[in-house]
N, C-alpha and C. Protein backbone atom coordinates (compact mmCIF):
# COMPACT_ATOMS: atom_id res chain seq x y z
N UNK A 1 -10.99 -16.95 3.11
CA UNK A 1 -10.76 -16.33 4.40
C UNK A 1 -10.28 -14.88 4.24
N UNK A 2 -9.44 -14.63 3.27
CA UNK A 2 -8.94 -13.28 3.01
C UNK A 2 -9.60 -12.72 1.75
N UNK A 3 -9.84 -11.42 1.72
CA UNK A 3 -10.43 -10.82 0.51
C UNK A 3 -9.48 -10.98 -0.69
N UNK A 4 -10.07 -11.18 -1.85
CA UNK A 4 -9.25 -11.37 -3.06
C UNK A 4 -8.40 -10.12 -3.34
N UNK A 5 -8.91 -8.94 -3.01
CA UNK A 5 -8.15 -7.71 -3.21
C UNK A 5 -6.86 -7.73 -2.38
N UNK A 6 -6.94 -8.32 -1.20
CA UNK A 6 -5.76 -8.40 -0.33
C UNK A 6 -4.74 -9.37 -0.93
N UNK A 7 -5.20 -10.48 -1.46
CA UNK A 7 -4.30 -11.44 -2.11
C UNK A 7 -3.62 -10.77 -3.30
N UNK A 8 -4.41 -10.03 -4.09
CA UNK A 8 -3.84 -9.32 -5.24
C UNK A 8 -2.82 -8.27 -4.77
N UNK A 9 -3.15 -7.58 -3.70
CA UNK A 9 -2.25 -6.59 -3.10
C UNK A 9 -0.91 -7.24 -2.76
N UNK A 10 -0.96 -8.38 -2.07
CA UNK A 10 0.27 -9.07 -1.68
C UNK A 10 1.06 -9.54 -2.89
N UNK A 11 0.36 -10.00 -3.93
CA UNK A 11 1.04 -10.44 -5.15
C UNK A 11 1.79 -9.28 -5.80
N UNK A 12 1.15 -8.13 -5.89
CA UNK A 12 1.83 -6.96 -6.47
C UNK A 12 2.93 -6.43 -5.55
N UNK A 13 2.65 -6.41 -4.27
CA UNK A 13 3.61 -5.87 -3.31
C UNK A 13 4.93 -6.63 -3.36
N UNK A 14 4.85 -7.96 -3.46
CA UNK A 14 6.04 -8.80 -3.45
C UNK A 14 6.51 -9.22 -4.84
N UNK A 15 5.71 -8.94 -5.87
CA UNK A 15 6.06 -9.38 -7.22
C UNK A 15 6.60 -8.26 -8.07
N UNK A 16 5.72 -7.49 -8.67
CA UNK A 16 6.18 -6.41 -9.56
C UNK A 16 6.47 -5.11 -8.80
N UNK A 17 6.16 -5.08 -7.51
CA UNK A 17 6.41 -3.91 -6.66
C UNK A 17 5.66 -2.68 -7.17
N UNK A 18 4.48 -2.93 -7.74
CA UNK A 18 3.65 -1.83 -8.24
C UNK A 18 2.81 -1.30 -7.08
N UNK A 19 3.41 -0.41 -6.31
CA UNK A 19 2.77 0.12 -5.11
C UNK A 19 1.56 0.97 -5.44
N UNK A 20 1.56 1.58 -6.60
CA UNK A 20 0.39 2.34 -7.02
C UNK A 20 -0.80 1.40 -7.19
N UNK A 21 -0.57 0.25 -7.82
CA UNK A 21 -1.63 -0.75 -7.98
C UNK A 21 -2.07 -1.29 -6.63
N UNK A 22 -1.12 -1.48 -5.73
CA UNK A 22 -1.46 -1.91 -4.36
C UNK A 22 -2.43 -0.92 -3.73
N UNK A 23 -2.12 0.34 -3.87
CA UNK A 23 -2.97 1.41 -3.35
C UNK A 23 -4.36 1.34 -3.98
N UNK A 24 -4.41 1.22 -5.30
CA UNK A 24 -5.69 1.19 -6.01
C UNK A 24 -6.56 0.01 -5.57
N UNK A 25 -5.95 -1.16 -5.49
CA UNK A 25 -6.69 -2.37 -5.10
C UNK A 25 -7.34 -2.21 -3.72
N UNK A 26 -6.54 -1.77 -2.77
CA UNK A 26 -7.06 -1.68 -1.41
C UNK A 26 -7.97 -0.48 -1.21
N UNK A 27 -7.73 0.59 -1.94
CA UNK A 27 -8.62 1.75 -1.81
C UNK A 27 -10.02 1.39 -2.29
N UNK A 28 -10.12 0.70 -3.41
CA UNK A 28 -11.43 0.28 -3.91
C UNK A 28 -12.12 -0.64 -2.90
N UNK A 29 -11.36 -1.56 -2.33
CA UNK A 29 -11.93 -2.49 -1.34
C UNK A 29 -12.38 -1.72 -0.09
N UNK A 30 -11.52 -0.85 0.42
CA UNK A 30 -11.83 -0.07 1.61
C UNK A 30 -13.08 0.78 1.40
N UNK A 31 -13.20 1.39 0.23
CA UNK A 31 -14.38 2.22 -0.06
C UNK A 31 -15.66 1.39 -0.04
N UNK A 32 -15.57 0.12 -0.43
CA UNK A 32 -16.75 -0.75 -0.43
C UNK A 32 -17.17 -1.16 0.97
N UNK A 33 -16.20 -1.36 1.86
CA UNK A 33 -16.54 -1.97 3.15
C UNK A 33 -16.43 -1.06 4.37
N UNK A 34 -15.63 0.02 4.30
CA UNK A 34 -15.32 0.77 5.52
C UNK A 34 -14.92 2.21 5.22
N UNK A 35 -15.50 2.83 4.21
CA UNK A 35 -15.00 4.09 3.67
C UNK A 35 -14.98 5.27 4.65
N UNK A 36 -15.77 5.23 5.66
CA UNK A 36 -15.80 6.36 6.59
C UNK A 36 -14.73 6.24 7.69
N UNK A 37 -14.10 5.08 7.78
CA UNK A 37 -13.13 4.82 8.83
C UNK A 37 -11.72 5.13 8.34
N UNK A 38 -11.22 6.30 8.68
CA UNK A 38 -9.88 6.72 8.26
C UNK A 38 -8.78 6.00 9.03
N UNK A 39 -9.16 5.30 10.11
CA UNK A 39 -8.19 4.52 10.88
C UNK A 39 -8.29 3.04 10.56
N UNK A 40 -8.95 2.71 9.48
CA UNK A 40 -9.08 1.32 9.05
C UNK A 40 -7.70 0.72 8.78
N UNK A 41 -7.57 -0.55 9.06
CA UNK A 41 -6.32 -1.26 8.77
C UNK A 41 -6.02 -1.19 7.28
N UNK A 42 -7.08 -1.14 6.47
CA UNK A 42 -6.89 -1.04 5.02
C UNK A 42 -6.24 0.29 4.66
N UNK A 43 -6.61 1.35 5.37
CA UNK A 43 -5.99 2.65 5.13
C UNK A 43 -4.51 2.58 5.51
N UNK A 44 -4.19 1.88 6.58
CA UNK A 44 -2.79 1.70 6.97
C UNK A 44 -1.97 1.03 5.87
N UNK A 45 -2.54 -0.01 5.27
CA UNK A 45 -1.84 -0.71 4.18
C UNK A 45 -1.73 0.18 2.94
N UNK A 46 -2.77 0.96 2.68
CA UNK A 46 -2.74 1.90 1.55
C UNK A 46 -1.63 2.92 1.77
N UNK A 47 -1.59 3.51 2.96
CA UNK A 47 -0.58 4.53 3.26
C UNK A 47 0.84 3.95 3.19
N UNK A 48 1.00 2.73 3.65
CA UNK A 48 2.31 2.08 3.57
C UNK A 48 2.75 1.95 2.11
N UNK A 49 1.82 1.56 1.24
CA UNK A 49 2.12 1.43 -0.19
C UNK A 49 2.47 2.77 -0.80
N UNK A 50 1.69 3.79 -0.43
CA UNK A 50 1.95 5.14 -0.93
C UNK A 50 3.33 5.62 -0.48
N UNK A 51 3.68 5.33 0.75
CA UNK A 51 4.99 5.72 1.26
C UNK A 51 6.11 5.09 0.45
N UNK A 52 5.99 3.80 0.15
CA UNK A 52 7.02 3.13 -0.64
C UNK A 52 7.07 3.70 -2.06
N UNK A 53 5.91 4.03 -2.61
CA UNK A 53 5.86 4.64 -3.94
C UNK A 53 6.63 5.97 -3.93
N UNK A 54 6.37 6.80 -2.92
CA UNK A 54 7.06 8.09 -2.81
C UNK A 54 8.56 7.91 -2.57
N UNK A 55 8.90 6.98 -1.69
CA UNK A 55 10.31 6.76 -1.36
C UNK A 55 11.09 6.36 -2.61
N UNK A 56 10.53 5.46 -3.38
CA UNK A 56 11.19 4.99 -4.60
C UNK A 56 11.40 6.14 -5.59
N UNK A 57 10.51 7.14 -5.55
CA UNK A 57 10.60 8.31 -6.44
C UNK A 57 11.42 9.45 -5.81
N UNK A 58 12.05 9.19 -4.67
CA UNK A 58 12.90 10.15 -3.96
C UNK A 58 12.09 11.30 -3.34
N UNK A 59 10.81 11.09 -3.11
CA UNK A 59 9.98 12.08 -2.42
C UNK A 59 10.00 11.69 -0.93
N UNK A 60 11.08 12.06 -0.27
CA UNK A 60 11.28 11.65 1.12
C UNK A 60 10.26 12.26 2.07
N UNK A 61 9.90 13.50 1.81
CA UNK A 61 8.92 14.18 2.67
C UNK A 61 7.56 13.47 2.60
N UNK A 62 7.08 13.22 1.40
CA UNK A 62 5.80 12.53 1.23
C UNK A 62 5.85 11.11 1.78
N UNK A 63 6.96 10.43 1.57
CA UNK A 63 7.11 9.06 2.06
C UNK A 63 7.09 9.02 3.59
N UNK A 64 7.79 9.95 4.19
CA UNK A 64 7.84 9.99 5.66
C UNK A 64 6.47 10.31 6.25
N UNK A 65 5.82 11.31 5.68
CA UNK A 65 4.50 11.74 6.18
C UNK A 65 3.49 10.59 6.12
N UNK A 66 3.43 9.88 5.01
CA UNK A 66 2.45 8.80 4.87
C UNK A 66 2.84 7.58 5.72
N UNK A 67 4.13 7.33 5.84
CA UNK A 67 4.56 6.19 6.66
C UNK A 67 4.25 6.41 8.14
N UNK A 68 4.43 7.61 8.62
CA UNK A 68 4.10 7.91 10.02
C UNK A 68 2.61 7.64 10.28
N UNK A 69 1.76 8.04 9.36
CA UNK A 69 0.32 7.78 9.50
C UNK A 69 0.03 6.29 9.51
N UNK A 70 0.69 5.56 8.62
CA UNK A 70 0.48 4.10 8.55
C UNK A 70 0.90 3.44 9.87
N UNK A 71 2.06 3.81 10.37
CA UNK A 71 2.56 3.23 11.62
C UNK A 71 1.58 3.48 12.76
N UNK A 72 1.03 4.68 12.84
CA UNK A 72 0.06 4.99 13.91
C UNK A 72 -1.16 4.08 13.82
N UNK A 73 -1.64 3.86 12.61
CA UNK A 73 -2.80 2.97 12.43
C UNK A 73 -2.45 1.55 12.87
N UNK A 74 -1.29 1.06 12.45
CA UNK A 74 -0.88 -0.30 12.80
C UNK A 74 -0.67 -0.46 14.30
N UNK A 75 -0.12 0.57 14.94
CA UNK A 75 0.10 0.50 16.39
C UNK A 75 -1.21 0.40 17.15
N UNK A 76 -2.25 1.03 16.64
CA UNK A 76 -3.55 1.02 17.30
C UNK A 76 -4.31 -0.29 17.09
N UNK A 77 -3.90 -1.09 16.10
CA UNK A 77 -4.69 -2.27 15.74
C UNK A 77 -3.84 -3.53 15.55
N UNK A 78 -3.12 -3.95 16.58
CA UNK A 78 -2.29 -5.14 16.41
C UNK A 78 -3.11 -6.40 16.08
N UNK A 79 -4.31 -6.51 16.62
CA UNK A 79 -5.13 -7.69 16.34
C UNK A 79 -5.57 -7.75 14.88
N UNK A 80 -5.82 -6.58 14.29
CA UNK A 80 -6.23 -6.54 12.88
C UNK A 80 -5.10 -7.04 11.99
N UNK A 81 -3.88 -6.72 12.33
CA UNK A 81 -2.74 -7.19 11.53
C UNK A 81 -2.62 -8.71 11.62
N UNK A 82 -2.82 -9.22 12.83
CA UNK A 82 -2.76 -10.67 13.02
C UNK A 82 -3.85 -11.35 12.21
N UNK A 83 -5.05 -10.78 12.19
CA UNK A 83 -6.15 -11.35 11.41
C UNK A 83 -5.86 -11.34 9.92
N UNK A 84 -4.99 -10.43 9.48
CA UNK A 84 -4.60 -10.38 8.07
C UNK A 84 -3.37 -11.24 7.78
N UNK A 85 -3.01 -12.09 8.76
CA UNK A 85 -1.92 -13.03 8.54
C UNK A 85 -0.54 -12.42 8.56
N UNK A 86 -0.40 -11.26 9.21
CA UNK A 86 0.89 -10.58 9.29
C UNK A 86 1.39 -10.59 10.74
N UNK A 87 2.70 -10.61 10.88
CA UNK A 87 3.32 -10.57 12.21
C UNK A 87 3.46 -9.09 12.59
N UNK A 88 2.60 -8.66 13.49
CA UNK A 88 2.51 -7.24 13.82
C UNK A 88 3.81 -6.66 14.34
N UNK A 89 4.46 -7.32 15.29
CA UNK A 89 5.69 -6.78 15.88
C UNK A 89 6.76 -6.64 14.81
N UNK A 90 6.91 -7.66 13.97
CA UNK A 90 7.91 -7.60 12.91
C UNK A 90 7.58 -6.52 11.88
N UNK A 91 6.29 -6.37 11.57
CA UNK A 91 5.89 -5.33 10.62
C UNK A 91 6.23 -3.95 11.16
N UNK A 92 5.91 -3.70 12.42
CA UNK A 92 6.22 -2.39 13.01
C UNK A 92 7.73 -2.15 13.05
N UNK A 93 8.49 -3.20 13.34
CA UNK A 93 9.95 -3.08 13.34
C UNK A 93 10.45 -2.71 11.94
N UNK A 94 9.91 -3.39 10.91
CA UNK A 94 10.27 -3.12 9.52
C UNK A 94 9.94 -1.68 9.15
N UNK A 95 8.71 -1.24 9.49
CA UNK A 95 8.28 0.10 9.12
C UNK A 95 9.05 1.18 9.86
N UNK A 96 9.39 0.94 11.11
CA UNK A 96 10.21 1.91 11.85
C UNK A 96 11.62 1.98 11.26
N UNK A 97 12.11 0.86 10.75
CA UNK A 97 13.40 0.86 10.05
C UNK A 97 13.32 1.67 8.77
N UNK A 98 12.20 1.55 8.04
CA UNK A 98 12.01 2.35 6.83
C UNK A 98 11.94 3.84 7.18
N UNK A 99 11.26 4.16 8.27
CA UNK A 99 11.16 5.55 8.70
C UNK A 99 12.54 6.11 9.02
N UNK A 100 13.35 5.33 9.70
CA UNK A 100 14.72 5.74 10.02
C UNK A 100 15.53 5.98 8.73
N UNK A 101 15.36 5.08 7.76
CA UNK A 101 16.07 5.23 6.48
C UNK A 101 15.63 6.52 5.77
N UNK A 102 14.34 6.81 5.83
CA UNK A 102 13.83 8.05 5.22
C UNK A 102 14.43 9.28 5.90
N UNK A 103 14.48 9.24 7.22
CA UNK A 103 15.02 10.38 7.97
C UNK A 103 16.49 10.60 7.67
N UNK A 104 17.20 9.54 7.32
CA UNK A 104 18.62 9.64 6.97
C UNK A 104 18.83 9.93 5.49
N UNK A 105 17.74 9.97 4.71
CA UNK A 105 17.85 10.24 3.29
C UNK A 105 18.38 9.06 2.49
N UNK A 106 18.22 7.85 3.02
CA UNK A 106 18.72 6.65 2.34
C UNK A 106 17.81 6.28 1.17
N UNK A 107 18.40 5.66 0.17
CA UNK A 107 17.66 5.25 -1.02
C UNK A 107 16.66 4.15 -0.70
N UNK A 108 15.65 4.07 -1.55
CA UNK A 108 14.62 3.05 -1.47
C UNK A 108 15.24 1.65 -1.57
N UNK A 109 14.71 0.74 -0.78
CA UNK A 109 15.05 -0.69 -0.86
C UNK A 109 13.74 -1.47 -0.83
N UNK A 110 13.61 -2.47 -1.67
CA UNK A 110 12.42 -3.33 -1.66
C UNK A 110 12.35 -4.06 -0.31
N UNK A 111 11.13 -4.25 0.17
CA UNK A 111 10.91 -4.96 1.44
C UNK A 111 9.85 -6.04 1.23
N UNK A 112 9.87 -7.00 2.11
CA UNK A 112 8.84 -8.04 2.11
C UNK A 112 8.09 -7.98 3.43
N UNK A 113 6.79 -8.12 3.34
CA UNK A 113 5.97 -8.09 4.55
C UNK A 113 6.13 -9.40 5.31
N UNK A 114 6.12 -9.34 6.64
CA UNK A 114 6.26 -10.56 7.44
C UNK A 114 4.92 -11.32 7.53
N UNK A 115 4.71 -12.23 6.61
CA UNK A 115 3.47 -13.00 6.56
C UNK A 115 3.62 -14.20 7.49
N UNK A 116 2.71 -14.31 8.45
CA UNK A 116 2.77 -15.41 9.41
C UNK A 116 1.92 -16.60 8.99
N UNK A 117 0.89 -16.37 8.21
CA UNK A 117 -0.01 -17.43 7.77
C UNK A 117 0.59 -18.10 6.53
N UNK A 118 1.03 -19.34 6.69
CA UNK A 118 1.70 -20.05 5.59
C UNK A 118 0.77 -20.25 4.39
N UNK A 119 -0.50 -20.49 4.65
CA UNK A 119 -1.46 -20.67 3.55
C UNK A 119 -1.62 -19.36 2.77
N UNK A 120 -1.67 -18.25 3.47
CA UNK A 120 -1.75 -16.94 2.83
C UNK A 120 -0.51 -16.67 1.99
N UNK A 121 0.65 -16.98 2.54
CA UNK A 121 1.90 -16.78 1.81
C UNK A 121 1.91 -17.61 0.53
N UNK A 122 1.49 -18.86 0.62
CA UNK A 122 1.47 -19.73 -0.55
C UNK A 122 0.47 -19.25 -1.60
N UNK A 123 -0.72 -18.88 -1.17
CA UNK A 123 -1.73 -18.39 -2.11
C UNK A 123 -1.27 -17.10 -2.78
N UNK A 124 -0.67 -16.20 -2.02
CA UNK A 124 -0.17 -14.94 -2.57
C UNK A 124 0.96 -15.19 -3.56
N UNK A 125 1.84 -16.12 -3.21
CA UNK A 125 2.96 -16.47 -4.10
C UNK A 125 2.45 -17.07 -5.41
N UNK A 126 1.48 -17.95 -5.32
CA UNK A 126 0.90 -18.55 -6.54
C UNK A 126 0.21 -17.49 -7.40
N UNK A 127 -0.52 -16.59 -6.76
CA UNK A 127 -1.19 -15.50 -7.48
C UNK A 127 -0.15 -14.63 -8.18
N UNK A 128 0.93 -14.36 -7.50
CA UNK A 128 2.02 -13.57 -8.06
C UNK A 128 2.57 -14.25 -9.31
N UNK A 129 2.83 -15.52 -9.22
CA UNK A 129 3.38 -16.27 -10.36
C UNK A 129 2.39 -16.35 -11.51
N UNK A 130 1.09 -16.48 -11.20
CA UNK A 130 0.07 -16.50 -12.25
C UNK A 130 0.03 -15.19 -13.02
N UNK A 131 0.41 -14.11 -12.37
CA UNK A 131 0.45 -12.80 -13.02
C UNK A 131 1.75 -12.62 -13.82
N UNK A 132 2.63 -13.58 -13.72
CA UNK A 132 3.90 -13.50 -14.44
C UNK A 132 4.99 -12.77 -13.68
N UNK A 133 4.80 -12.56 -12.38
CA UNK A 133 5.77 -11.88 -11.54
C UNK A 133 6.63 -12.91 -10.82
N UNK A 134 7.75 -12.44 -10.31
CA UNK A 134 8.62 -13.29 -9.50
C UNK A 134 8.52 -12.80 -8.06
N UNK A 135 8.06 -13.67 -7.18
CA UNK A 135 7.90 -13.33 -5.76
C UNK A 135 9.24 -12.93 -5.16
N UNK A 136 9.27 -11.79 -4.50
CA UNK A 136 10.46 -11.35 -3.80
C UNK A 136 11.49 -10.63 -4.67
N UNK A 137 11.18 -10.46 -5.92
CA UNK A 137 12.10 -9.77 -6.84
C UNK A 137 12.27 -8.31 -6.40
N UNK A 138 13.46 -7.80 -6.60
CA UNK A 138 13.73 -6.39 -6.31
C UNK A 138 12.94 -5.51 -7.27
N UNK A 139 12.63 -4.32 -6.84
CA UNK A 139 11.91 -3.36 -7.67
C UNK A 139 12.77 -2.97 -8.89
N UNK A 140 12.14 -2.89 -10.05
CA UNK A 140 12.82 -2.46 -11.26
C UNK A 140 12.80 -0.94 -11.30
N UNK A 141 13.90 -0.34 -10.90
CA UNK A 141 13.98 1.11 -10.76
C UNK A 141 14.04 1.85 -12.10
N UNK A 142 14.07 1.10 -13.20
CA UNK A 142 14.08 1.71 -14.54
C UNK A 142 12.72 1.63 -15.22
N UNK A 143 11.79 0.95 -14.59
CA UNK A 143 10.46 0.74 -15.18
C UNK A 143 9.57 1.96 -14.90
N UNK A 144 9.54 2.88 -15.86
CA UNK A 144 8.78 4.13 -15.70
C UNK A 144 7.28 3.89 -15.54
N UNK A 145 6.77 2.79 -16.10
CA UNK A 145 5.34 2.53 -15.98
C UNK A 145 4.94 2.21 -14.53
N UNK A 146 5.90 1.83 -13.72
CA UNK A 146 5.64 1.59 -12.29
C UNK A 146 6.12 2.79 -11.46
N UNK A 147 7.28 3.30 -11.78
CA UNK A 147 7.86 4.40 -11.01
C UNK A 147 7.00 5.67 -11.12
N UNK A 148 6.55 5.99 -12.33
CA UNK A 148 5.78 7.22 -12.57
C UNK A 148 4.32 6.91 -12.91
N UNK A 149 3.78 5.90 -12.30
CA UNK A 149 2.42 5.45 -12.64
C UNK A 149 1.38 6.54 -12.48
N UNK A 150 1.52 7.39 -11.47
CA UNK A 150 0.53 8.44 -11.25
C UNK A 150 0.48 9.43 -12.41
N UNK A 151 1.56 9.58 -13.15
CA UNK A 151 1.59 10.50 -14.28
C UNK A 151 0.96 9.89 -15.53
N UNK A 152 0.88 8.57 -15.57
CA UNK A 152 0.45 7.86 -16.77
C UNK A 152 -1.02 7.45 -16.76
N UNK A 153 -1.70 7.60 -15.64
CA UNK A 153 -3.07 7.11 -15.52
C UNK A 153 -4.09 8.11 -16.05
N UNK A 154 -5.26 7.58 -16.36
CA UNK A 154 -6.39 8.41 -16.77
C UNK A 154 -7.07 8.92 -15.50
N UNK A 155 -7.06 10.22 -15.31
CA UNK A 155 -7.60 10.82 -14.09
C UNK A 155 -9.02 11.33 -14.24
N UNK A 156 -9.69 11.01 -15.34
CA UNK A 156 -11.02 11.53 -15.62
C UNK A 156 -11.99 11.23 -14.48
N UNK A 157 -12.03 9.99 -14.02
CA UNK A 157 -12.99 9.62 -12.97
C UNK A 157 -12.68 10.32 -11.65
N UNK A 158 -11.42 10.53 -11.36
CA UNK A 158 -11.02 11.22 -10.12
C UNK A 158 -11.47 12.67 -10.17
N UNK A 159 -11.24 13.31 -11.30
CA UNK A 159 -11.64 14.71 -11.47
C UNK A 159 -13.15 14.85 -11.36
N UNK A 160 -13.88 13.95 -12.00
CA UNK A 160 -15.34 13.97 -11.94
C UNK A 160 -15.83 13.77 -10.51
N UNK A 161 -15.22 12.84 -9.79
CA UNK A 161 -15.60 12.57 -8.40
C UNK A 161 -15.36 13.80 -7.53
N UNK A 162 -14.24 14.47 -7.72
CA UNK A 162 -13.94 15.68 -6.94
C UNK A 162 -14.92 16.80 -7.26
N UNK A 163 -15.26 16.96 -8.54
CA UNK A 163 -16.22 17.99 -8.93
C UNK A 163 -17.60 17.71 -8.33
N UNK A 164 -18.00 16.46 -8.34
CA UNK A 164 -19.29 16.06 -7.77
C UNK A 164 -19.31 16.34 -6.26
N UNK A 165 -18.22 16.02 -5.59
CA UNK A 165 -18.11 16.26 -4.15
C UNK A 165 -18.17 17.75 -3.84
N UNK A 166 -17.50 18.56 -4.66
CA UNK A 166 -17.51 20.01 -4.48
C UNK A 166 -18.92 20.58 -4.66
N UNK A 167 -19.64 20.08 -5.67
CA UNK A 167 -21.03 20.52 -5.89
C UNK A 167 -21.91 20.18 -4.69
N UNK A 168 -21.71 18.98 -4.15
CA UNK A 168 -22.51 18.56 -3.00
C UNK A 168 -22.21 19.43 -1.78
N UNK A 169 -20.94 19.77 -1.57
CA UNK A 169 -20.57 20.62 -0.43
C UNK A 169 -21.15 22.01 -0.60
N UNK A 170 -21.07 22.56 -1.81
CA UNK A 170 -21.62 23.89 -2.05
C UNK A 170 -23.15 23.90 -1.89
N UNK A 171 -23.79 22.81 -2.26
CA UNK A 171 -25.24 22.70 -2.15
C UNK A 171 -25.70 22.61 -0.70
N UNK A 172 -24.83 22.12 0.19
CA UNK A 172 -25.22 21.97 1.60
C UNK A 172 -24.86 23.21 2.42
N UNK A 173 -24.22 24.17 1.81
CA UNK A 173 -23.84 25.39 2.57
C UNK A 173 -24.98 26.38 2.63
């Protein structure tokens, strides 16, 4: 019923708190199914993950900016959140609380998404455990491989994709 990428997203989100991986999983999925739709619910989940990644790294400006975009997407699509097994009102309340914390300069705190579908929660929890993670564990703020993941990745494909896009734009001018 739910895409495997979403299950993996939930396992990482609630397990190892690897928000960068959450972003990667859903971005790949979104590009396959709905890449032209910048208001896609998948983009909202991606932005939410990016916001938490920034917040944990003390980039309050980046966290706030991306969270505001995510909240706008979620507000426009309450039915989509319900279809993804999430409690929309509770999620918006949670995210607005995070936004308030960012505005006050408060430190990052791990959060859990309000999953309303019990079968989804159980499947995500089992997937999390199969990966060797503990569901609901607090973020390991000393784990540089998660905290600074963007600095550690191979960016070759991203650079190539940007260069290809630039060539295409120049060719159409």
